[in-house]
Protein backbone atom coordinates (compact mmCIF):
# COMPACT_ATOMS: atom_id res chain seq x y z
CA UNK A 1 13.27 -35.59 -177.99
CA UNK A 2 10.22 -37.46 -176.76
CA UNK A 3 7.96 -36.10 -174.06
CA UNK A 4 9.24 -38.73 -171.63
CA UNK A 5 12.92 -37.92 -172.19
CA UNK A 6 12.14 -34.20 -171.95
CA UNK A 7 10.46 -34.80 -168.57
CA UNK A 8 13.55 -36.73 -167.41
CA UNK A 9 15.97 -33.93 -168.35
CA UNK A 10 13.71 -31.35 -166.72
CA UNK A 11 14.17 -33.17 -163.42
CA UNK A 12 17.97 -33.10 -163.60
CA UNK A 13 19.78 -30.71 -161.27
CA UNK A 14 20.66 -27.32 -162.74
CA UNK A 15 24.38 -28.14 -162.54
CA UNK A 16 23.85 -31.02 -164.98
CA UNK A 17 22.31 -28.65 -167.53
CA UNK A 18 25.14 -26.16 -167.03
CA UNK A 19 27.78 -28.85 -167.44
CA UNK A 20 26.12 -30.07 -170.64
CA UNK A 21 26.02 -26.59 -172.15
CA UNK A 22 29.65 -25.84 -171.21
CA UNK A 23 30.75 -29.10 -172.82
CA UNK A 24 28.76 -28.23 -175.94
CA UNK A 25 30.38 -24.80 -176.00
CA UNK A 26 33.87 -26.34 -175.90
CA UNK A 27 32.89 -28.83 -178.61
CA UNK A 28 31.62 -25.99 -180.78
CA UNK A 29 34.91 -24.11 -180.36
CA UNK A 30 36.91 -27.06 -181.62
CA UNK A 31 40.59 -26.14 -181.38
CA UNK A 32 39.90 -22.51 -180.49
CA UNK A 33 40.72 -21.59 -176.90
CA UNK A 34 38.25 -19.27 -175.17
CA UNK A 35 39.32 -16.34 -173.02
CA UNK A 36 37.46 -14.84 -170.08
CA UNK A 37 35.11 -17.82 -170.06
CA UNK A 38 34.21 -17.35 -166.40
CA UNK A 39 32.97 -13.78 -166.97
CA UNK A 40 31.21 -14.79 -170.18
CA UNK A 41 29.26 -17.54 -168.48
CA UNK A 42 28.35 -15.41 -165.46
CA UNK A 43 27.01 -12.65 -167.71
CA UNK A 44 25.08 -15.15 -169.84
CA UNK A 45 23.47 -16.68 -166.74
CA UNK A 46 22.96 -13.56 -164.62
CA UNK A 47 20.77 -11.56 -166.98
CA UNK A 48 18.10 -14.23 -167.56
CA UNK A 49 18.25 -15.19 -163.87
CA UNK A 50 17.48 -11.61 -162.86
CA UNK A 51 14.83 -11.24 -165.54
CA UNK A 52 12.94 -14.41 -164.64
CA UNK A 53 13.18 -13.79 -160.89
CA UNK A 54 11.83 -10.27 -161.38
CA UNK A 55 9.05 -11.64 -163.58
CA UNK A 56 8.14 -14.25 -160.95
CA UNK A 57 7.81 -11.53 -158.32
CA UNK A 58 5.81 -9.31 -160.69
CA UNK A 59 8.48 -6.64 -160.49
CA UNK A 60 8.69 -6.58 -156.70
CA UNK A 61 12.38 -5.86 -156.16
CA UNK A 62 12.29 -6.58 -152.44
CA UNK A 63 10.88 -10.08 -153.01
CA UNK A 64 13.22 -10.62 -155.95
CA UNK A 65 16.26 -9.65 -153.89
CA UNK A 66 15.18 -12.02 -151.13
CA UNK A 67 14.71 -14.91 -153.59
CA UNK A 68 18.16 -14.27 -155.06
CA UNK A 69 19.86 -13.75 -151.70
CA UNK A 70 20.96 -10.23 -152.61
CA UNK A 71 20.40 -6.97 -150.86
CA UNK A 72 18.02 -4.66 -152.71
CA UNK A 73 20.74 -2.15 -153.58
CA UNK A 74 22.86 -4.84 -155.22
CA UNK A 75 19.85 -6.10 -157.13
CA UNK A 76 19.05 -2.59 -158.40
CA UNK A 77 22.65 -2.12 -159.55
CA UNK A 78 22.53 -5.41 -161.45
CA UNK A 79 19.14 -4.59 -162.98
CA UNK A 80 20.54 -1.28 -164.22
CA UNK A 81 23.60 -3.05 -165.64
CA UNK A 82 21.35 -5.20 -167.83
CA UNK A 83 18.85 -2.41 -168.52
CA UNK A 84 16.10 -4.36 -166.75
CA UNK A 85 14.63 -1.37 -164.93
C-alpha cells in the first residue's frame, strides 16, 4: 500500500473499516458459519477501545469514562473484565 492510499484509508469513517474487516472475516471462514458473532466482535473491539482511551487519558478513569460516554463504575467493571487495572 502506498503512502497516498494509506492516507486515504485513514480518512475513511470507522464504520468503513469495520465493514471491511467483517467481510474479510466471512471470506476467511469460507463455508463455515460463525456463532455468537455479535459478542465476538464486541469483545474484540471493546478491549482495545478501553485500552487506548485509558492510554490517551494517561490512566485518568474519570476522563476516560467521559470520553467513552460511560459512568466511572461501568468503566471500572469493564477494565477489570479485561484485566486493564
